[in-house]
Amino acid sequence: MSRYKHPSKKQKLAKKSERTKWAPFWTVPKIYGKGRRVHPGRHTSVKRSWRRTKTKV
């Protein structure tokens, strides 16, 4: 990728990076109940890695 990114492309990339984060920790007991221990990354909407899946930006 080039050194200088166009602002619109940079904004799109920033939005894509937001979608790769884990869900908040408080969603685990809300969904599964108090006793269940589950990783928050298990119920994020979109999981994407810069290595695995490329974006069409």
PDB file of N, CA and C in Angstrom:
ATOM      1  N   MET A   1       0.835  -1.175   0.000  1.00  0.00           N
ATOM      2  CA  MET A   1       0.000   0.000   0.000  1.00  0.00           C
ATOM      3  C   MET A   1       0.879   1.236   0.000  1.00  0.00           C
ATOM      4  N   SER A   2       0.361   2.281  -0.579  1.00  0.00           N
ATOM      5  CA  SER A   2       1.161   3.492  -0.702  1.00  0.00           C
ATOM      6  C   SER A   2       1.355   4.162   0.659  1.00  0.00           C
ATOM      7  N   ARG A   3       2.304   5.042   0.696  1.00  0.00           N
ATOM      8  CA  ARG A   3       2.603   5.727   1.940  1.00  0.00           C
ATOM      9  C   ARG A   3       1.482   6.687   2.317  1.00  0.00           C
ATOM     10  N   TYR A   4       0.985   7.441   1.337  1.00  0.00           N
ATOM     11  CA  TYR A   4      -0.072   8.422   1.590  1.00  0.00           C
ATOM     12  C   TYR A   4      -1.402   7.864   1.114  1.00  0.00           C
ATOM     13  N   LYS A   5      -2.333   7.735   2.055  1.00  0.00           N
ATOM     14  CA  LYS A   5      -3.643   7.189   1.724  1.00  0.00           C
ATOM     15  C   LYS A   5      -4.630   8.322   1.493  1.00  0.00           C
ATOM     16  N   HIS A   6      -5.513   8.122   0.524  1.00  0.00           N
ATOM     17  CA  HIS A   6      -6.573   9.085   0.276  1.00  0.00           C
ATOM     18  C   HIS A   6      -7.505   9.081   1.491  1.00  0.00           C
ATOM     19  N   PRO A   7      -7.987  10.244   1.912  1.00  0.00           N
ATOM     20  CA  PRO A   7      -8.809  10.302   3.131  1.00  0.00           C
ATOM     21  C   PRO A   7     -10.029   9.382   3.108  1.00  0.00           C
ATOM     22  N   SER A   8     -10.673   9.257   1.944  1.00  0.00           N
ATOM     23  CA  SER A   8     -11.869   8.411   1.879  1.00  0.00           C
ATOM     24  C   SER A   8     -11.493   6.937   2.039  1.00  0.00           C
ATOM     25  N   LYS A   9     -10.373   6.537   1.447  1.00  0.00           N
ATOM     26  CA  LYS A   9      -9.907   5.154   1.570  1.00  0.00           C
ATOM     27  C   LYS A   9      -9.494   4.866   3.012  1.00  0.00           C
ATOM     28  N   LYS A  10      -8.849   5.839   3.632  1.00  0.00           N
ATOM     29  CA  LYS A  10      -8.411   5.695   5.012  1.00  0.00           C
ATOM     30  C   LYS A  10      -9.611   5.531   5.940  1.00  0.00           C
ATOM     31  N   GLN A  11     -10.672   6.284   5.659  1.00  0.00           N
ATOM     32  CA  GLN A  11     -11.887   6.199   6.467  1.00  0.00           C
ATOM     33  C   GLN A  11     -12.545   4.822   6.321  1.00  0.00           C
ATOM     34  N   LYS A  12     -12.567   4.293   5.098  1.00  0.00           N
ATOM     35  CA  LYS A  12     -13.140   2.969   4.852  1.00  0.00           C
ATOM     36  C   LYS A  12     -12.344   1.890   5.572  1.00  0.00           C
ATOM     37  N   LEU A  13     -11.022   1.996   5.533  1.00  0.00           N
ATOM     38  CA  LEU A  13     -10.166   1.038   6.225  1.00  0.00           C
ATOM     39  C   LEU A  13     -10.372   1.102   7.739  1.00  0.00           C
ATOM     40  N   ALA A  14     -10.579   2.302   8.254  1.00  0.00           N
ATOM     41  CA  ALA A  14     -10.816   2.470   9.689  1.00  0.00           C
ATOM     42  C   ALA A  14     -12.118   1.800  10.096  1.00  0.00           C
ATOM     43  N   LYS A  15     -13.142   1.928   9.248  1.00  0.00           N
ATOM     44  CA  LYS A  15     -14.430   1.282   9.538  1.00  0.00           C
ATOM     45  C   LYS A  15     -14.299  -0.229   9.517  1.00  0.00           C
ATOM     46  N   LYS A  16     -13.515  -0.744   8.568  1.00  0.00           N
ATOM     47  CA  LYS A  16     -13.314  -2.192   8.470  1.00  0.00           C
ATOM     48  C   LYS A  16     -12.569  -2.712   9.696  1.00  0.00           C
ATOM     49  N   SER A  17     -11.625  -1.933  10.213  1.00  0.00           N
ATOM     50  CA  SER A  17     -10.868  -2.379  11.383  1.00  0.00           C
ATOM     51  C   SER A  17     -11.734  -2.383  12.637  1.00  0.00           C
ATOM     52  N   GLU A  18     -12.754  -1.519  12.679  1.00  0.00           N
ATOM     53  CA  GLU A  18     -13.683  -1.517  13.812  1.00  0.00           C
ATOM     54  C   GLU A  18     -14.454  -2.824  13.888  1.00  0.00           C
ATOM     55  N   ARG A  19     -14.751  -3.408  12.747  1.00  0.00           N
ATOM     56  CA  ARG A  19     -15.609  -4.597  12.698  1.00  0.00           C
ATOM     57  C   ARG A  19     -14.878  -5.863  13.122  1.00  0.00           C
ATOM     58  N   THR A  20     -13.559  -5.788  13.275  1.00  0.00           N
ATOM     59  CA  THR A  20     -12.801  -6.990  13.606  1.00  0.00           C
ATOM     60  C   THR A  20     -12.631  -7.173  15.112  1.00  0.00           C
ATOM     61  N   LYS A  21     -13.102  -6.210  15.899  1.00  0.00           N
ATOM     62  CA  LYS A  21     -12.888  -6.275  17.343  1.00  0.00           C
ATOM     63  C   LYS A  21     -13.826  -7.266  18.008  1.00  0.00           C
ATOM     64  N   TRP A  22     -13.485  -7.659  19.220  1.00  0.00           N
ATOM     65  CA  TRP A  22     -14.336  -8.555  19.998  1.00  0.00           C
ATOM     66  C   TRP A  22     -15.576  -7.811  20.451  1.00  0.00           C
ATOM     67  N   ALA A  23     -16.577  -8.604  20.800  1.00  0.00           N
ATOM     68  CA  ALA A  23     -17.776  -8.031  21.400  1.00  0.00           C
ATOM     69  C   ALA A  23     -17.433  -7.585  22.825  1.00  0.00           C
ATOM     70  N   PRO A  24     -18.202  -6.658  23.403  1.00  0.00           N
ATOM     71  CA  PRO A  24     -17.943  -6.242  24.782  1.00  0.00           C
ATOM     72  C   PRO A  24     -18.099  -7.410  25.759  1.00  0.00           C
ATOM     73  N   PHE A  25     -17.354  -7.368  26.844  1.00  0.00           N
ATOM     74  CA  PHE A  25     -17.332  -8.490  27.793  1.00  0.00           C
ATOM     75  C   PHE A  25     -18.688  -8.713  28.454  1.00  0.00           C
ATOM     76  N   TRP A  26     -19.475  -7.638  28.603  1.00  0.00           N
ATOM     77  CA  TRP A  26     -20.755  -7.783  29.305  1.00  0.00           C
ATOM     78  C   TRP A  26     -21.814  -8.486  28.458  1.00  0.00           C
ATOM     79  N   THR A  27     -21.550  -8.707  27.175  1.00  0.00           N
ATOM     80  CA  THR A  27     -22.531  -9.411  26.339  1.00  0.00           C
ATOM     81  C   THR A  27     -22.527 -10.918  26.622  1.00  0.00           C
ATOM     82  N   VAL A  28     -21.440 -11.430  27.186  1.00  0.00           N
ATOM     83  CA  VAL A  28     -21.344 -12.874  27.445  1.00  0.00           C
ATOM     84  C   VAL A  28     -22.394 -13.316  28.473  1.00  0.00           C
ATOM     85  N   PRO A  29     -22.439 -12.733  29.685  1.00  0.00           N
ATOM     86  CA  PRO A  29     -23.482 -13.163  30.620  1.00  0.00           C
ATOM     87  C   PRO A  29     -24.886 -12.813  30.142  1.00  0.00           C
ATOM     88  N   LYS A  30     -24.997 -11.751  29.348  1.00  0.00           N
ATOM     89  CA  LYS A  30     -26.313 -11.355  28.846  1.00  0.00           C
ATOM     90  C   LYS A  30     -26.875 -12.419  27.906  1.00  0.00           C
ATOM     91  N   ILE A  31     -26.028 -12.993  27.059  1.00  0.00           N
ATOM     92  CA  ILE A  31     -26.489 -13.980  26.084  1.00  0.00           C
ATOM     93  C   ILE A  31     -26.552 -15.377  26.691  1.00  0.00           C
ATOM     94  N   TYR A  32     -25.471 -15.788  27.379  1.00  0.00           N
ATOM     95  CA  TYR A  32     -25.341 -17.179  27.803  1.00  0.00           C
ATOM     96  C   TYR A  32     -25.743 -17.441  29.250  1.00  0.00           C
ATOM     97  N   GLY A  33     -25.866 -16.410  30.054  1.00  0.00           N
ATOM     98  CA  GLY A  33     -26.165 -16.594  31.468  1.00  0.00           C
ATOM     99  C   GLY A  33     -24.915 -16.381  32.304  1.00  0.00           C
ATOM    100  N   LYS A  34     -25.109 -16.343  33.619  1.00  0.00           N
ATOM    101  CA  LYS A  34     -24.027 -15.964  34.530  1.00  0.00           C
ATOM    102  C   LYS A  34     -22.905 -16.996  34.602  1.00  0.00           C
ATOM    103  N   GLY A  35     -23.240 -18.292  34.557  1.00  0.00           N
ATOM    104  CA  GLY A  35     -22.242 -19.330  34.787  1.00  0.00           C
ATOM    105  C   GLY A  35     -21.390 -19.700  33.587  1.00  0.00           C
ATOM    106  N   ARG A  36     -21.832 -19.396  32.402  1.00  0.00           N
ATOM    107  CA  ARG A  36     -21.143 -19.852  31.195  1.00  0.00           C
ATOM    108  C   ARG A  36     -19.952 -18.963  30.889  1.00  0.00           C
ATOM    109  N   ARG A  37     -18.806 -19.576  30.643  1.00  0.00           N
ATOM    110  CA  ARG A  37     -17.612 -18.795  30.302  1.00  0.00           C
ATOM    111  C   ARG A  37     -17.304 -18.988  28.817  1.00  0.00           C
ATOM    112  N   VAL A  38     -17.523 -17.955  28.053  1.00  0.00           N
ATOM    113  CA  VAL A  38     -17.346 -17.995  26.604  1.00  0.00           C
ATOM    114  C   VAL A  38     -16.504 -16.790  26.206  1.00  0.00           C
ATOM    115  N   HIS A  39     -15.676 -16.965  25.215  1.00  0.00           N
ATOM    116  CA  HIS A  39     -14.852 -15.849  24.726  1.00  0.00           C
ATOM    117  C   HIS A  39     -15.722 -14.837  23.996  1.00  0.00           C
ATOM    118  N   PRO A  40     -15.551 -13.536  24.254  1.00  0.00           N
ATOM    119  CA  PRO A  40     -16.389 -12.513  23.619  1.00  0.00           C
ATOM    120  C   PRO A  40     -16.250 -12.464  22.104  1.00  0.00           C
ATOM    121  N   GLY A  41     -15.116 -12.941  21.582  1.00  0.00           N
ATOM    122  CA  GLY A  41     -14.927 -12.932  20.136  1.00  0.00           C
ATOM    123  C   GLY A  41     -15.825 -13.918  19.412  1.00  0.00           C
ATOM    124  N   ARG A  42     -16.480 -14.775  20.191  1.00  0.00           N
ATOM    125  CA  ARG A  42     -17.303 -15.818  19.594  1.00  0.00           C
ATOM    126  C   ARG A  42     -18.594 -15.274  18.985  1.00  0.00           C
ATOM    127  N   HIS A  43     -19.086 -14.166  19.492  1.00  0.00           N
ATOM    128  CA  HIS A  43     -20.322 -13.625  18.930  1.00  0.00           C
ATOM    129  C   HIS A  43     -20.168 -12.178  18.450  1.00  0.00           C
ATOM    130  N   THR A  44     -19.079 -11.929  17.746  1.00  0.00           N
ATOM    131  CA  THR A  44     -18.957 -10.661  17.037  1.00  0.00           C
ATOM    132  C   THR A  44     -19.639 -10.822  15.687  1.00  0.00           C
ATOM    133  N   SER A  45     -20.059  -9.711  15.114  1.00  0.00           N
ATOM    134  CA  SER A  45     -20.814  -9.784  13.861  1.00  0.00           C
ATOM    135  C   SER A  45     -19.925 -10.246  12.715  1.00  0.00           C
ATOM    136  N   VAL A  46     -18.737  -9.668  12.591  1.00  0.00           N
ATOM    137  CA  VAL A  46     -17.838 -10.005  11.493  1.00  0.00           C
ATOM    138  C   VAL A  46     -16.454 -10.227  12.054  1.00  0.00           C
ATOM    139  N   LYS A  47     -15.844 -11.349  11.708  1.00  0.00           N
ATOM    140  CA  LYS A  47     -14.456 -11.575  12.096  1.00  0.00           C
ATOM    141  C   LYS A  47     -13.608 -11.553  10.833  1.00  0.00           C
ATOM    142  N   ARG A  48     -12.612 -10.701  10.815  1.00  0.00           N
ATOM    143  CA  ARG A  48     -11.775 -10.573   9.639  1.00  0.00           C
ATOM    144  C   ARG A  48     -10.342 -10.332  10.069  1.00  0.00           C
ATOM    145  N   SER A  49      -9.413 -10.928   9.348  1.00  0.00           N
ATOM    146  CA  SER A  49      -8.000 -10.718   9.622  1.00  0.00           C
ATOM    147  C   SER A  49      -7.339 -10.158   8.374  1.00  0.00           C
ATOM    148  N   TRP A  50      -6.329  -9.363   8.561  1.00  0.00           N
ATOM    149  CA  TRP A  50      -5.637  -8.766   7.410  1.00  0.00           C
ATOM    150  C   TRP A  50      -4.924  -9.825   6.600  1.00  0.00           C
ATOM    151  N   ARG A  51      -4.607 -10.963   7.223  1.00  0.00           N
ATOM    152  CA  ARG A  51      -3.963 -12.046   6.472  1.00  0.00           C
ATOM    153  C   ARG A  51      -4.966 -12.906   5.725  1.00  0.00           C
ATOM    154  N   ARG A  52      -6.026 -13.329   6.434  1.00  0.00           N
ATOM    155  CA  ARG A  52      -6.982 -14.285   5.877  1.00  0.00           C
ATOM    156  C   ARG A  52      -7.847 -13.700   4.779  1.00  0.00           C
ATOM    157  N   THR A  53      -8.589 -12.650   5.107  1.00  0.00           N
ATOM    158  CA  THR A  53      -9.615 -12.138   4.210  1.00  0.00           C
ATOM    159  C   THR A  53      -9.269 -10.719   3.793  1.00  0.00           C
ATOM    160  N   LYS A  54      -9.242 -10.482   2.519  1.00  0.00           N
ATOM    161  CA  LYS A  54      -8.940  -9.148   2.005  1.00  0.00           C
ATOM    162  C   LYS A  54     -10.230  -8.355   1.808  1.00  0.00           C
ATOM    163  N   THR A  55     -10.141  -7.050   1.914  1.00  0.00           N
ATOM    164  CA  THR A  55     -11.301  -6.188   1.708  1.00  0.00           C
ATOM    165  C   THR A  55     -11.241  -5.602   0.305  1.00  0.00           C
ATOM    166  N   LYS A  56     -12.380  -5.272  -0.220  1.00  0.00           N
ATOM    167  CA  LYS A  56     -12.446  -4.656  -1.557  1.00  0.00           C
ATOM    168  C   LYS A  56     -12.446  -3.136  -1.426  1.00  0.00           C
ATOM    169  N   VAL A  57     -11.387  -2.616  -0.818  1.00  0.00           N
ATOM    170  CA  VAL A  57     -11.303  -1.155  -0.640  1.00  0.00           C
ATOM    171  C   VAL A  57     -10.288  -0.617  -1.614  1.00  0.00           C
TER     172      VAL A  57
END
